[in-house]
Amino acid sequence: MDKRKNNGGNKNAGRKSKAEEQKLIEKLTPLEKEVLKKFEMNIKAGEKWAIELFFKYMYGLPKQQIEADVKQTMINWIEEKTYDE
């Protein structure tokens, strides 16, 4: 018997459909001016999270550099061939 339906995966996982995304945008659009006004107030009040968020969206995150410490070990295999005659 196929028991894949009992794997415990979430049926609602994954990206929402375009129609659902559009409905959400339509619901939130009337609140846009109010949200931006509150965001502006928080920036002017010196809220660190608001200032950081503003700069992240306005200018993007700074380029991150990751230093990789890679060490390679070479193993030389000596293969001995024996021939039985």
Protein backbone atom coordinates (compact mmCIF):
# COMPACT_ATOMS: atom_id res chain seq x y z
CA MET A 1 0.00 0.00 0.00
CA ASP A 2 1.29 3.46 -0.91
CA LYS A 3 1.84 5.45 2.27
CA ARG A 4 3.16 8.67 0.73
CA LYS A 5 0.07 10.55 1.87
CA ASN A 6 1.12 9.81 5.45
CA ASN A 7 4.57 11.42 5.14
CA GLY A 8 3.52 14.46 7.15
CA GLY A 9 4.17 17.05 4.47
CA ASN A 10 2.29 20.32 4.68
CA LYS A 11 -0.41 20.65 2.00
CA ASN A 12 -0.22 24.44 2.24
CA ALA A 13 3.55 24.65 1.74
CA GLY A 14 4.99 26.42 -1.27
CA ARG A 15 4.44 29.68 -3.05
CA LYS A 16 0.96 31.19 -3.14
CA SER A 17 -0.76 31.43 -6.50
CA LYS A 18 -0.73 34.72 -8.42
CA ALA A 19 -4.47 35.14 -7.75
CA GLU A 20 -3.97 34.84 -3.97
CA GLU A 21 -1.03 37.23 -4.13
CA GLN A 22 -3.11 39.77 -6.07
CA LYS A 23 -5.98 39.55 -3.54
CA LEU A 24 -3.54 40.26 -0.71
CA ILE A 25 -2.08 43.25 -2.57
CA GLU A 26 -5.59 44.64 -3.13
CA LYS A 27 -6.40 44.29 0.58
CA LEU A 28 -3.20 46.00 1.71
CA THR A 29 -3.03 48.83 -0.83
CA PRO A 30 -5.47 51.15 1.04
CA LEU A 31 -3.19 50.97 4.10
CA GLU A 32 -0.06 52.00 2.21
CA LYS A 33 -0.18 55.74 3.06
CA GLU A 34 -0.81 55.06 6.75
CA VAL A 35 2.02 52.52 6.96
CA LEU A 36 4.48 54.86 5.23
CA LYS A 37 3.49 57.66 7.60
CA LYS A 38 4.19 55.43 10.64
CA PHE A 39 7.45 54.30 9.07
CA GLU A 40 8.48 57.93 8.58
CA MET A 41 7.61 58.69 12.21
CA ASN A 42 9.80 55.83 13.41
CA ILE A 43 12.72 56.99 11.26
CA LYS A 44 12.39 60.54 12.60
CA ALA A 45 12.17 59.17 16.16
CA GLY A 46 15.53 57.49 15.59
CA GLU A 47 14.30 53.91 15.77
CA LYS A 48 17.29 51.79 14.77
CA TRP A 49 15.23 49.06 13.09
CA ALA A 50 13.41 51.60 10.89
CA ILE A 51 16.63 53.31 9.81
CA GLU A 52 18.28 49.98 9.01
CA LEU A 53 15.25 48.82 7.04
CA PHE A 54 15.18 52.08 5.08
CA PHE A 55 18.83 51.77 4.08
CA LYS A 56 18.52 48.07 3.23
CA TYR A 57 15.68 48.74 0.81
CA MET A 58 16.95 52.06 -0.50
CA TYR A 59 20.59 51.14 -1.11
CA GLY A 60 20.76 47.38 -0.65
CA LEU A 61 22.98 45.41 1.66
CA PRO A 62 26.71 46.01 1.47
CA LYS A 63 28.65 43.40 -0.45
CA GLN A 64 29.66 40.66 1.94
CA GLN A 65 33.02 39.03 1.64
CA ILE A 66 33.61 35.56 2.94
CA GLU A 67 37.16 34.39 3.44
CA ALA A 68 37.53 30.75 2.64
CA ASP A 69 40.38 28.90 4.28
CA VAL A 70 40.76 25.92 2.01
CA LYS A 71 43.49 23.39 2.51
CA GLN A 72 43.94 20.57 0.08
CA THR A 73 45.72 17.37 0.82
CA MET A 74 46.99 15.34 -2.06
CA ILE A 75 47.15 11.62 -1.60
CA ASN A 76 49.45 9.78 -3.94
CA TRP A 77 48.38 6.24 -4.48
CA ILE A 78 51.02 3.85 -5.59
CA GLU A 79 49.38 0.96 -7.24
CA GLU A 80 51.41 -2.18 -7.42
CA LYS A 81 50.48 -4.53 -10.13
CA THR A 82 51.24 -8.17 -9.76
CA TYR A 83 51.02 -10.60 -12.59
CA ASP A 84 50.78 -14.26 -12.00
CA GLU A 85 52.43 -16.31 -14.70
